[in-house]
Amino acid sequence: MVLEMPAYEVISRLEKKIDFDEIVAWCADFYQLPENEAERFTGEVQQLYLEQCTPIDADADQEFIPVESVPTRFYSRKYYKILDQIYLAEYETEHCEYLIHPKFAHLETSETGGWDHCFQLFLLQGKLILLSDGKMAGQWALEESHVMVGRYFMELLNCMHRTSDEKWMAVFHASALSYGNDSILFLGDSGSGKSTISAILMASGLDLLADDFVPVNAATGEVFNFPAAVSVKKSALNHLIPIYPQLDVAAEFYYPDLDKTVRYLPPSEFSGDPASGYPCKALVFVKYRKESGLILEEIPKDVAFQHLVPDSWISPLPENASKFMDWFLNLPCYSLTYSDNEKMVGAVKRLWKPAR
């Protein structure tokens, strides 16, 4: 959890088993609050603490879906080839297919004689259900479909690298590109231009490692490949259609829970080893701003941290969280504001230059 200082102080006292009324009295005195306000705040933090710290049985979800509840007929069956493995994805409805397939359509294969892994996505009692190789991976309300997509991606990532959640230090809502043997992460708020930069740099000779879902290995701190297509928003089409004419006729997809409309751009052929990790050289927070030219400057770590964490999944395992902090503190962080693509590409390539 990322906490503001008042909540952190309350939780610290709860951890030490200090009496609730004593914490309320301290809170009222220290923050000069009326007693009822201090009691309300302390109670809310206590509830959050209890919710986050209640142990969860990792196998409990598997009991919720009886075999007879799994559909016997699906709207579509798609086969994808990733890292020499065949993945069968079964979608019960057109909507289920719509949520996942467009991101991986470029990986469809005609090799349908057998499969290594199977994902099944269907509806049951108004909820989205995901099975991974026959095991329950989760269930979500329809308005939480973007959360389901994140879990789907995580299951796929683990199958690709024959591993589990515990092996990943973090997953970032970012774009990652490699140039030679190193990588750089491009981050920013929704609509800041992360995917646009990825597409431009991809056309300039860099390899796209991942877009929107960037996994980092806990043991090595290396960035790994995830082969989903680049999501291109409407606002970026004018910039990218001259480079990628196929976007002009590409299908559009609207996702209401995220309120965004996108077209998908398949990654270029990867020149490196997609099964290997790539050390990260820097974090770059990007922003496209008309007529800004190019502004690239290093930013303080505390500023970067505040922008990095809210949109990220950080492993809850203490040893992995500690590795994340060490990893982050050893990386330079930059702010990049641009309107000139050519200058932007040159500046980004220079960030790699010292190691080349």
Protein backbone atom coordinates (compact mmCIF):
# COMPACT_ATOMS: atom_id res chain seq x y z
CA MET A 1 0.00 0.00 0.00
CA VAL A 2 1.08 3.58 -0.67
CA LEU A 3 -0.06 5.73 2.27
CA GLU A 4 -0.13 9.39 3.19
CA MET A 5 1.64 10.05 6.49
CA PRO A 6 -1.51 10.26 8.75
CA ALA A 7 -2.75 6.85 7.58
CA TYR A 8 0.76 5.41 7.87
CA GLU A 9 1.04 6.60 11.48
CA VAL A 10 -2.32 5.03 12.38
CA ILE A 11 -1.42 1.72 10.74
CA SER A 12 1.96 1.72 12.49
CA ARG A 13 0.13 1.91 15.82
CA LEU A 14 -2.34 -0.80 14.81
CA GLU A 15 0.62 -3.02 13.93
CA LYS A 16 1.95 -2.47 17.46
CA LYS A 17 -1.44 -3.57 18.92
CA ILE A 18 -2.04 -0.18 20.53
CA ASP A 19 -5.61 0.22 21.80
CA PHE A 20 -8.05 1.81 19.31
CA ASP A 21 -9.19 4.55 21.74
CA GLU A 22 -5.56 5.42 22.48
CA ILE A 23 -4.88 5.81 18.74
CA VAL A 24 -7.96 8.05 18.40
CA ALA A 25 -6.75 10.24 21.28
CA TRP A 26 -3.27 10.51 19.73
CA CYS A 27 -4.73 11.34 16.30
CA ALA A 28 -7.01 14.06 17.74
CA ASP A 29 -4.12 15.63 19.66
CA PHE A 30 -1.42 15.39 17.01
CA TYR A 31 -3.53 16.58 14.07
CA GLN A 32 -5.71 18.97 16.09
CA LEU A 33 -8.94 17.19 15.08
CA PRO A 34 -12.31 17.02 16.85
CA GLU A 35 -12.62 13.66 18.61
CA ASN A 36 -15.45 12.41 16.38
CA GLU A 37 -13.44 13.25 13.27
CA ALA A 38 -10.35 11.50 14.66
CA GLU A 39 -12.47 8.44 15.51
CA ARG A 40 -13.98 8.35 12.03
CA PHE A 41 -10.58 8.64 10.34
CA THR A 42 -8.97 6.02 12.58
CA GLY A 43 -11.88 3.64 11.97
CA GLU A 44 -11.58 4.01 8.19
CA VAL A 45 -7.84 3.31 8.31
CA GLN A 46 -8.41 0.32 10.60
CA GLN A 47 -10.96 -1.10 8.13
CA LEU A 48 -8.49 -0.64 5.26
CA TYR A 49 -5.79 -2.35 7.33
CA LEU A 50 -8.03 -5.32 8.11
CA GLU A 51 -9.09 -5.72 4.48
CA GLN A 52 -5.52 -5.63 3.17
CA CYS A 53 -4.01 -7.86 5.84
CA THR A 54 -6.60 -10.67 5.95
CA PRO A 55 -4.91 -13.83 4.61
CA ILE A 56 -6.38 -15.12 1.34
CA ASP A 57 -6.50 -18.81 0.46
CA ALA A 58 -4.88 -18.92 -2.96
CA ASP A 59 -6.90 -22.01 -3.92
CA ALA A 60 -10.26 -20.80 -2.60
CA ASP A 61 -11.48 -19.43 -5.94
CA GLN A 62 -11.12 -22.81 -7.58
CA GLU A 63 -14.03 -24.11 -5.52
CA PHE A 64 -16.46 -21.52 -6.87
CA ILE A 65 -16.75 -22.89 -10.43
CA PRO A 66 -18.19 -26.40 -10.72
CA VAL A 67 -17.16 -28.29 -13.85
CA GLU A 68 -20.75 -28.28 -15.10
CA SER A 69 -20.72 -24.45 -15.09
CA VAL A 70 -18.03 -24.26 -17.77
CA PRO A 71 -19.68 -23.69 -21.17
CA THR A 72 -19.65 -26.58 -23.61
CA ARG A 73 -19.94 -24.24 -26.60
CA PHE A 74 -17.98 -21.03 -27.22
CA TYR A 75 -18.53 -18.14 -29.62
CA SER A 76 -14.95 -18.48 -30.90
CA ARG A 77 -11.75 -20.45 -30.47
CA LYS A 78 -8.49 -18.69 -31.30
CA TYR A 79 -5.00 -20.15 -31.47
CA TYR A 80 -1.94 -17.95 -30.82
CA LYS A 81 1.74 -18.84 -31.19
CA ILE A 82 4.05 -17.18 -28.66
CA LEU A 83 7.66 -18.23 -27.96
CA ASP A 84 7.14 -21.57 -29.75
CA GLN A 85 4.12 -22.43 -27.61
CA ILE A 86 0.53 -22.70 -28.85
CA TYR A 87 -2.21 -21.02 -26.81
CA LEU A 88 -5.88 -21.86 -27.23
CA ALA A 89 -8.24 -19.06 -26.17
CA GLU A 90 -11.95 -19.85 -25.94
CA TYR A 91 -14.39 -16.93 -25.75
CA GLU A 92 -17.98 -17.67 -24.79
CA THR A 93 -19.43 -14.46 -26.26
CA GLU A 94 -18.52 -11.88 -28.85
CA HIS A 95 -17.97 -9.41 -25.99
CA CYS A 96 -15.50 -11.78 -24.30
CA GLU A 97 -13.55 -12.02 -27.57
CA TYR A 98 -13.69 -8.24 -27.96
CA LEU A 99 -11.95 -7.75 -24.60
CA ILE A 100 -8.87 -9.83 -25.43
CA HIS A 101 -8.49 -10.98 -29.03
CA PRO A 102 -7.76 -7.64 -30.80
CA LYS A 103 -4.57 -7.27 -28.74
CA PHE A 104 -3.27 -10.65 -29.94
CA ALA A 105 -4.83 -11.05 -33.40
CA HIS A 106 -1.40 -10.59 -34.99
CA LEU A 107 -0.24 -13.76 -33.18
CA GLU A 108 -2.96 -16.04 -34.59
CA THR A 109 -1.62 -19.26 -36.06
CA SER A 110 -2.92 -21.97 -38.38
CA GLU A 111 -1.26 -24.58 -36.13
CA THR A 112 -4.47 -25.79 -34.53
CA GLY A 113 -3.67 -29.48 -34.09
CA GLY A 114 -2.79 -29.15 -30.40
CA TRP A 115 -2.06 -26.59 -27.71
CA ASP A 116 0.26 -26.06 -24.74
CA HIS A 117 -2.03 -23.79 -22.68
CA CYS A 118 -5.74 -23.03 -22.69
CA PHE A 119 -7.55 -19.90 -21.53
CA GLN A 120 -11.35 -19.84 -21.22
CA LEU A 121 -13.28 -16.61 -20.73
CA PHE A 122 -17.03 -16.77 -20.09
CA LEU A 123 -19.94 -15.27 -18.18
CA LEU A 124 -21.54 -16.84 -15.13
CA GLN A 125 -24.25 -15.16 -13.05
CA GLY A 126 -23.34 -11.75 -14.47
CA LYS A 127 -19.61 -12.08 -13.82
CA LEU A 128 -16.61 -12.58 -16.08
CA ILE A 129 -14.86 -15.86 -15.29
CA LEU A 130 -11.32 -16.69 -16.41
CA LEU A 131 -9.92 -20.21 -16.36
CA SER A 132 -6.23 -20.82 -17.04
CA ASP A 133 -5.44 -24.42 -17.95
CA GLY A 134 -8.66 -25.44 -16.23
CA LYS A 135 -7.93 -23.62 -12.97
CA MET A 136 -9.81 -20.59 -11.68
CA ALA A 137 -7.83 -17.41 -12.34
CA GLY A 138 -10.49 -14.98 -11.10
CA GLN A 139 -13.97 -13.53 -11.43
CA TRP A 140 -14.96 -9.92 -12.02
CA ALA A 141 -18.02 -7.73 -12.42
CA LEU A 142 -18.56 -6.61 -16.02
CA GLU A 143 -17.52 -3.05 -15.19
CA GLU A 144 -14.17 -4.42 -13.95
CA SER A 145 -13.23 -5.95 -17.29
CA HIS A 146 -9.97 -3.95 -17.40
CA VAL A 147 -8.92 -5.69 -14.15
CA MET A 148 -9.70 -9.05 -15.76
CA VAL A 149 -7.52 -8.10 -18.73
CA GLY A 150 -4.62 -7.44 -16.34
CA ARG A 151 -5.04 -10.89 -14.78
CA TYR A 152 -5.34 -12.51 -18.22
CA PHE A 153 -2.07 -10.85 -19.22
CA MET A 154 -0.39 -12.04 -16.01
CA GLU A 155 -1.50 -15.63 -16.58
CA LEU A 156 -0.22 -15.47 -20.16
CA LEU A 157 3.08 -13.94 -19.02
CA ASN A 158 3.61 -16.73 -16.48
CA CYS A 159 2.89 -19.39 -19.09
CA MET A 160 5.26 -17.74 -21.58
CA HIS A 161 8.16 -17.82 -19.11
CA ARG A 162 7.10 -20.93 -17.17
CA THR A 163 6.97 -19.05 -13.91
CA SER A 164 4.57 -17.49 -11.37
CA ASP A 165 3.58 -14.10 -9.94
CA GLU A 166 6.28 -14.37 -7.26
CA LYS A 167 9.02 -14.15 -9.89
CA TRP A 168 7.97 -10.66 -10.99
CA MET A 169 9.05 -7.56 -9.10
CA ALA A 170 6.56 -5.27 -10.80
CA VAL A 171 4.37 -4.68 -13.84
CA PHE A 172 4.19 -1.11 -15.11
CA HIS A 173 1.53 0.72 -17.11
CA ALA A 174 4.20 1.95 -19.49
CA SER A 175 5.91 1.28 -22.80
CA ALA A 176 9.32 -0.39 -22.95
CA LEU A 177 11.76 -0.38 -25.83
CA SER A 178 15.16 -1.99 -26.27
CA TYR A 179 18.13 -0.72 -28.24
CA GLY A 180 21.00 -3.16 -28.30
CA ASN A 181 21.15 -4.95 -24.96
CA ASP A 182 19.37 -2.37 -22.78
CA SER A 183 15.85 -1.03 -22.33
CA ILE A 184 14.13 2.20 -21.30
CA LEU A 185 10.64 2.58 -19.84
CA PHE A 186 8.37 5.38 -21.06
CA LEU A 187 5.67 6.37 -18.58
CA GLY A 188 2.97 9.01 -18.19
CA ASP A 189 -0.68 9.64 -17.52
CA SER A 190 -3.31 8.25 -19.87
CA GLY A 191 -3.16 10.24 -23.10
CA SER A 192 0.37 11.51 -22.48
CA GLY A 193 1.74 9.81 -25.58
CA LYS A 194 3.50 6.66 -24.29
CA SER A 195 2.17 4.45 -27.07
CA THR A 196 2.74 7.15 -29.69
CA ILE A 197 6.40 7.42 -28.70
CA SER A 198 6.65 3.62 -28.82
CA ALA A 199 5.31 3.52 -32.36
CA ILE A 200 7.61 6.33 -33.54
CA LEU A 201 10.68 4.76 -31.94
CA MET A 202 9.73 1.34 -33.33
CA ALA A 203 9.77 2.90 -36.81
CA SER A 204 13.19 4.39 -36.01
CA GLY A 205 14.96 1.09 -35.45
CA LEU A 206 14.19 0.30 -31.80
CA ASP A 207 12.53 -2.92 -30.62
CA LEU A 208 9.25 -2.73 -28.74
CA LEU A 209 9.42 -4.91 -25.65
CA ALA A 210 5.95 -4.16 -24.30
CA ASP A 211 3.17 -1.58 -24.44
CA ASP A 212 0.79 -0.90 -21.51
CA PHE A 213 1.94 -4.05 -19.66
CA VAL A 214 5.65 -4.03 -18.84
CA PRO A 215 6.93 -6.88 -16.63
CA VAL A 216 10.15 -6.62 -14.61
CA ASN A 217 11.85 -9.73 -13.23
CA ALA A 218 12.44 -9.83 -9.47
CA ALA A 219 15.73 -11.71 -9.55
CA THR A 220 17.47 -9.60 -12.19
CA GLY A 221 15.54 -6.33 -12.46
CA GLU A 222 15.37 -6.93 -16.21
CA VAL A 223 12.47 -5.90 -18.44
CA PHE A 224 10.82 -8.71 -20.38
CA ASN A 225 8.89 -8.88 -23.61
CA PHE A 226 5.10 -8.99 -23.71
CA PRO A 227 3.76 -9.26 -27.27
CA ALA A 228 0.40 -7.45 -27.15
CA ALA A 229 -0.24 -4.95 -29.94
CA VAL A 230 0.29 -1.22 -29.40
CA SER A 231 -2.96 0.58 -28.53
CA VAL A 232 -3.25 3.79 -30.54
CA LYS A 233 -5.77 6.41 -29.45
CA LYS A 234 -7.70 8.61 -31.90
CA SER A 235 -5.66 11.67 -30.92
CA ALA A 236 -2.47 9.99 -32.16
CA LEU A 237 -3.73 8.84 -35.57
CA ASN A 238 -2.72 12.01 -37.43
CA HIS A 239 0.84 11.57 -36.16
CA LEU A 240 1.11 7.85 -36.90
CA ILE A 241 -0.87 7.20 -40.10
CA PRO A 242 1.91 8.78 -42.27
CA ILE A 243 4.32 6.25 -40.69
CA TYR A 244 1.90 3.31 -40.49
CA PRO A 245 -0.70 3.65 -43.30
CA GLN A 246 -2.42 0.44 -42.15
CA LEU A 247 -3.79 2.35 -39.16
CA ASP A 248 -6.01 4.36 -41.50
CA VAL A 249 -8.13 1.28 -42.21
CA ALA A 250 -7.64 -0.57 -38.92
CA ALA A 251 -10.74 -1.46 -36.89
CA GLU A 252 -11.64 0.69 -33.88
CA PHE A 253 -12.43 -0.72 -30.46
CA TYR A 254 -14.23 1.12 -27.67
CA TYR A 255 -13.81 0.09 -24.02
CA PRO A 256 -16.47 1.80 -21.89
CA ASP A 257 -14.99 1.03 -18.47
CA LEU A 258 -11.83 2.88 -19.56
CA ASP A 259 -13.74 5.33 -21.81
CA LYS A 260 -11.21 4.98 -24.61
CA THR A 261 -11.31 4.16 -28.30
CA VAL A 262 -8.22 2.57 -29.83
CA ARG A 263 -6.84 0.95 -32.94
CA TYR A 264 -4.16 -1.71 -32.67
CA LEU A 265 -0.71 -1.64 -34.23
CA PRO A 266 1.16 -4.99 -34.24
CA PRO A 267 4.79 -4.80 -33.03
CA SER A 268 7.53 -4.94 -35.65
CA GLU A 269 9.54 -8.13 -35.89
CA PHE A 270 11.74 -8.36 -32.80
CA SER A 271 15.45 -8.31 -33.63
CA GLY A 272 16.63 -9.57 -30.22
CA ASP A 273 15.71 -12.58 -28.13
CA PRO A 274 12.08 -12.21 -26.98
CA ALA A 275 12.64 -14.79 -24.24
CA SER A 276 15.47 -12.80 -22.63
CA GLY A 277 15.40 -9.91 -20.18
CA TYR A 278 16.86 -6.47 -20.87
CA PRO A 279 18.49 -4.29 -18.16
CA CYS A 280 16.70 -0.97 -17.69
CA LYS A 281 18.76 2.17 -18.21
CA ALA A 282 16.23 4.85 -17.27
CA LEU A 283 12.63 5.85 -16.61
CA VAL A 284 11.31 8.59 -18.90
CA PHE A 285 8.02 10.38 -18.15
CA VAL A 286 6.69 11.64 -21.46
CA LYS A 287 4.26 14.32 -22.55
CA TYR A 288 3.37 15.48 -26.04
CA ARG A 289 2.72 19.24 -26.04
CA LYS A 290 2.14 21.19 -29.23
CA GLU A 291 4.96 23.58 -30.23
CA SER A 292 7.09 22.61 -27.22
CA GLY A 293 10.01 21.44 -29.37
CA LEU A 294 12.03 19.26 -27.03
CA ILE A 295 12.56 19.51 -23.27
CA LEU A 296 14.50 16.68 -21.64
CA GLU A 297 15.55 17.06 -18.01
CA GLU A 298 16.34 14.83 -15.06
CA ILE A 299 13.73 14.92 -12.29
CA PRO A 300 13.95 14.22 -8.53
CA LYS A 301 13.27 10.68 -7.35
CA ASP A 302 10.36 11.67 -5.09
CA VAL A 303 8.56 13.32 -8.02
CA ALA A 304 9.16 10.29 -10.22
CA PHE A 305 7.98 7.91 -7.49
CA GLN A 306 4.66 9.73 -7.09
CA HIS A 307 3.98 9.33 -10.82
CA LEU A 308 5.29 5.78 -11.10
CA VAL A 309 3.50 3.91 -8.33
CA PRO A 310 -0.25 4.66 -8.72
CA ASP A 311 -0.52 2.96 -12.14
CA SER A 312 1.81 0.08 -11.29
CA TRP A 313 1.52 -3.38 -9.79
CA ILE A 314 4.30 -3.85 -7.24
CA SER A 315 4.78 -7.34 -5.85
CA PRO A 316 3.39 -7.57 -2.30
CA LEU A 317 6.19 -9.95 -1.25
CA PRO A 318 8.53 -8.03 1.11
CA GLU A 319 11.70 -9.22 -0.63
CA ASN A 320 10.36 -8.20 -4.05
CA ALA A 321 9.13 -4.82 -2.78
CA SER A 322 12.61 -4.22 -1.34
CA LYS A 323 14.19 -5.13 -4.68
CA PHE A 324 11.82 -2.72 -6.41
CA MET A 325 12.98 0.15 -4.19
CA ASP A 326 16.65 -0.66 -4.84
CA TRP A 327 15.95 -0.95 -8.57
CA PHE A 328 14.10 2.36 -8.68
CA LEU A 329 16.64 4.29 -6.61
CA ASN A 330 19.47 3.23 -8.93
CA LEU A 331 17.75 4.44 -12.11
CA PRO A 332 17.95 7.96 -13.54
CA CYS A 333 14.51 9.52 -14.08
CA TYR A 334 13.74 12.04 -16.81
CA SER A 335 10.90 14.24 -17.96
CA LEU A 336 10.52 14.45 -21.74
CA THR A 337 8.16 17.01 -23.27
CA TYR A 338 8.17 17.14 -27.06
CA SER A 339 6.41 18.14 -30.26
CA ASP A 340 9.23 17.47 -32.74
CA ASN A 341 9.45 13.74 -33.49
CA GLU A 342 12.92 13.88 -35.06
CA LYS A 343 14.42 15.71 -32.08
CA MET A 344 12.66 13.34 -29.70
CA VAL A 345 14.10 10.25 -31.42
CA GLY A 346 17.60 11.74 -31.33
CA ALA A 347 17.34 12.63 -27.65
CA VAL A 348 16.04 9.19 -26.70
CA LYS A 349 18.80 7.37 -28.60
CA ARG A 350 21.38 9.51 -26.79
CA LEU A 351 20.09 8.14 -23.48
CA TRP A 352 21.39 4.73 -24.60
CA LYS A 353 24.66 6.05 -26.03
CA PRO A 354 26.93 5.81 -22.93
CA ALA A 355 26.42 2.04 -22.79
CA ARG A 356 26.94 1.46 -26.51
